[in-house]
N, C-alpha and C. Protein backbone atom coordinates (compact mmCIF):
# COMPACT_ATOMS: atom_id res chain seq x y z
N MET A 1 -1.76 -9.03 -16.80
CA MET A 1 -2.85 -9.97 -16.81
C MET A 1 -3.90 -9.58 -15.79
N ASP A 2 -3.50 -8.92 -14.72
CA ASP A 2 -4.49 -8.47 -13.73
C ASP A 2 -5.49 -7.52 -14.37
N LEU A 3 -5.04 -6.66 -15.26
CA LEU A 3 -5.94 -5.72 -15.92
C LEU A 3 -6.88 -6.44 -16.88
N VAL A 4 -6.37 -7.44 -17.57
CA VAL A 4 -7.22 -8.25 -18.46
C VAL A 4 -8.28 -8.97 -17.63
N ALA A 5 -7.84 -9.58 -16.53
CA ALA A 5 -8.76 -10.32 -15.67
C ALA A 5 -9.83 -9.42 -15.06
N SER A 6 -9.50 -8.13 -14.89
CA SER A 6 -10.49 -7.21 -14.34
C SER A 6 -11.48 -6.72 -15.39
N GLY A 7 -11.27 -7.12 -16.66
CA GLY A 7 -12.23 -6.80 -17.70
C GLY A 7 -11.86 -5.62 -18.58
N MET A 8 -10.66 -5.09 -18.42
CA MET A 8 -10.25 -3.94 -19.22
C MET A 8 -9.95 -4.35 -20.65
N ASN A 9 -10.29 -3.49 -21.61
CA ASN A 9 -9.95 -3.75 -23.00
C ASN A 9 -8.56 -3.20 -23.30
N ASN A 10 -8.05 -3.48 -24.50
CA ASN A 10 -6.69 -3.08 -24.86
C ASN A 10 -6.49 -1.57 -24.78
N HIS A 11 -7.48 -0.81 -25.19
CA HIS A 11 -7.36 0.66 -25.17
C HIS A 11 -7.18 1.16 -23.74
N HIS A 12 -7.99 0.66 -22.82
CA HIS A 12 -7.90 1.09 -21.42
C HIS A 12 -6.60 0.63 -20.77
N ILE A 13 -6.16 -0.58 -21.11
CA ILE A 13 -4.88 -1.06 -20.57
C ILE A 13 -3.75 -0.19 -21.07
N ALA A 14 -3.76 0.14 -22.36
CA ALA A 14 -2.72 0.99 -22.94
C ALA A 14 -2.69 2.35 -22.26
N SER A 15 -3.86 2.92 -22.02
CA SER A 15 -3.94 4.23 -21.36
C SER A 15 -3.43 4.16 -19.93
N THR A 16 -3.79 3.11 -19.23
CA THR A 16 -3.38 2.94 -17.84
C THR A 16 -1.87 2.75 -17.71
N CYS A 17 -1.29 2.00 -18.64
CA CYS A 17 0.14 1.67 -18.58
C CYS A 17 1.01 2.62 -19.39
N PHE A 18 0.39 3.58 -20.07
CA PHE A 18 1.12 4.55 -20.89
C PHE A 18 1.96 3.88 -21.97
N ILE A 19 1.36 2.88 -22.63
CA ILE A 19 2.00 2.21 -23.75
C ILE A 19 1.01 2.14 -24.91
N GLY A 20 1.47 1.73 -26.07
CA GLY A 20 0.61 1.64 -27.24
C GLY A 20 -0.29 0.41 -27.21
N GLU A 21 -1.41 0.52 -27.92
CA GLU A 21 -2.35 -0.60 -27.97
C GLU A 21 -1.73 -1.83 -28.64
N LYS A 22 -0.87 -1.60 -29.64
CA LYS A 22 -0.22 -2.72 -30.31
C LYS A 22 0.67 -3.49 -29.34
N MET A 23 1.36 -2.78 -28.46
CA MET A 23 2.20 -3.44 -27.46
C MET A 23 1.34 -4.25 -26.49
N VAL A 24 0.20 -3.70 -26.10
CA VAL A 24 -0.72 -4.42 -25.22
C VAL A 24 -1.17 -5.71 -25.90
N LYS A 25 -1.54 -5.60 -27.16
CA LYS A 25 -2.00 -6.77 -27.92
C LYS A 25 -0.91 -7.84 -27.96
N ASN A 26 0.33 -7.42 -28.20
CA ASN A 26 1.44 -8.37 -28.25
C ASN A 26 1.65 -9.04 -26.90
N TYR A 27 1.63 -8.26 -25.83
CA TYR A 27 1.79 -8.81 -24.48
C TYR A 27 0.68 -9.81 -24.15
N ILE A 28 -0.55 -9.45 -24.48
CA ILE A 28 -1.67 -10.34 -24.17
C ILE A 28 -1.57 -11.63 -24.97
N ASN A 29 -1.18 -11.53 -26.23
CA ASN A 29 -1.00 -12.75 -27.03
C ASN A 29 0.08 -13.65 -26.43
N GLN A 30 1.15 -13.06 -25.92
CA GLN A 30 2.21 -13.84 -25.27
C GLN A 30 1.69 -14.49 -23.99
N LEU A 31 0.91 -13.75 -23.22
CA LEU A 31 0.34 -14.30 -21.99
C LEU A 31 -0.64 -15.44 -22.29
N LEU A 32 -1.46 -15.27 -23.31
CA LEU A 32 -2.40 -16.33 -23.68
C LEU A 32 -1.66 -17.59 -24.08
N ALA A 33 -0.56 -17.42 -24.82
CA ALA A 33 0.24 -18.58 -25.23
C ALA A 33 0.85 -19.27 -24.01
N LYS A 34 1.39 -18.50 -23.08
CA LYS A 34 2.02 -19.08 -21.89
C LYS A 34 1.00 -19.78 -20.99
N LEU A 35 -0.22 -19.26 -20.97
CA LEU A 35 -1.27 -19.86 -20.15
C LEU A 35 -2.04 -20.96 -20.90
N HIS A 36 -1.66 -21.19 -22.16
CA HIS A 36 -2.34 -22.19 -23.00
C HIS A 36 -3.83 -21.92 -23.06
N SER A 37 -4.17 -20.66 -23.31
CA SER A 37 -5.57 -20.24 -23.36
C SER A 37 -5.89 -19.68 -24.73
N ALA A 38 -7.08 -19.97 -25.20
CA ALA A 38 -7.51 -19.49 -26.51
C ALA A 38 -8.19 -18.12 -26.42
N SER A 39 -8.56 -17.70 -25.22
CA SER A 39 -9.27 -16.44 -25.09
C SER A 39 -8.94 -15.75 -23.76
N ARG A 40 -9.27 -14.47 -23.71
CA ARG A 40 -9.03 -13.69 -22.50
C ARG A 40 -9.81 -14.21 -21.30
N PRO A 41 -11.10 -14.55 -21.47
CA PRO A 41 -11.84 -15.08 -20.31
C PRO A 41 -11.27 -16.39 -19.77
N LYS A 42 -10.83 -17.27 -20.67
CA LYS A 42 -10.23 -18.52 -20.20
C LYS A 42 -8.93 -18.27 -19.47
N ALA A 43 -8.16 -17.30 -19.94
CA ALA A 43 -6.91 -16.95 -19.27
C ALA A 43 -7.20 -16.34 -17.90
N ALA A 44 -8.25 -15.53 -17.81
CA ALA A 44 -8.61 -14.91 -16.53
C ALA A 44 -8.96 -15.95 -15.48
N VAL A 45 -9.61 -17.02 -15.92
CA VAL A 45 -9.97 -18.09 -14.99
C VAL A 45 -8.72 -18.78 -14.46
N LYS A 46 -7.71 -18.92 -15.32
CA LYS A 46 -6.47 -19.58 -14.93
C LYS A 46 -5.54 -18.67 -14.12
N TRP A 47 -5.74 -17.37 -14.19
CA TRP A 47 -4.82 -16.42 -13.56
C TRP A 47 -5.00 -16.44 -12.04
N PRO A 48 -3.94 -16.72 -11.27
CA PRO A 48 -4.05 -16.77 -9.81
C PRO A 48 -4.44 -15.42 -9.22
N GLY A 49 -5.24 -15.46 -8.19
CA GLY A 49 -5.60 -14.24 -7.49
C GLY A 49 -6.87 -13.58 -7.96
N THR A 50 -7.45 -14.07 -9.05
CA THR A 50 -8.71 -13.49 -9.49
C THR A 50 -9.86 -14.20 -8.80
N ALA A 51 -10.99 -13.55 -8.74
CA ALA A 51 -12.17 -14.15 -8.12
C ALA A 51 -12.55 -15.44 -8.84
N LEU A 52 -12.37 -15.44 -10.17
CA LEU A 52 -12.72 -16.64 -10.94
C LEU A 52 -11.82 -17.82 -10.60
N SER A 53 -10.50 -17.57 -10.48
CA SER A 53 -9.59 -18.68 -10.17
C SER A 53 -9.86 -19.21 -8.76
N SER A 54 -10.20 -18.32 -7.84
CA SER A 54 -10.52 -18.76 -6.47
C SER A 54 -11.79 -19.57 -6.43
N ALA A 55 -12.77 -19.18 -7.24
CA ALA A 55 -14.04 -19.89 -7.25
C ALA A 55 -13.91 -21.28 -7.86
N THR A 56 -12.99 -21.43 -8.81
CA THR A 56 -12.83 -22.72 -9.46
C THR A 56 -11.79 -23.59 -8.77
N GLY A 57 -11.14 -23.05 -7.76
CA GLY A 57 -10.15 -23.83 -7.03
C GLY A 57 -8.77 -23.83 -7.66
N LEU A 58 -8.58 -23.04 -8.70
CA LEU A 58 -7.27 -22.96 -9.35
C LEU A 58 -6.38 -21.99 -8.61
N ARG A 59 -5.16 -22.33 -8.40
CA ARG A 59 -4.19 -21.44 -7.77
C ARG A 59 -2.83 -21.76 -8.22
């Protein structure tokens, strides 16, 4: 989720983690479900430790 919150797309995340893009997509979908978020930006705001979560007071 840190990579998603930093703005990386699935291709770049897959390359960085040495896994397939389909696996990245599956992981992100699972994370979105656990965070009850409909989109990557909304999940990034909820993710602790990001500049967005700190700015909104979420932790």
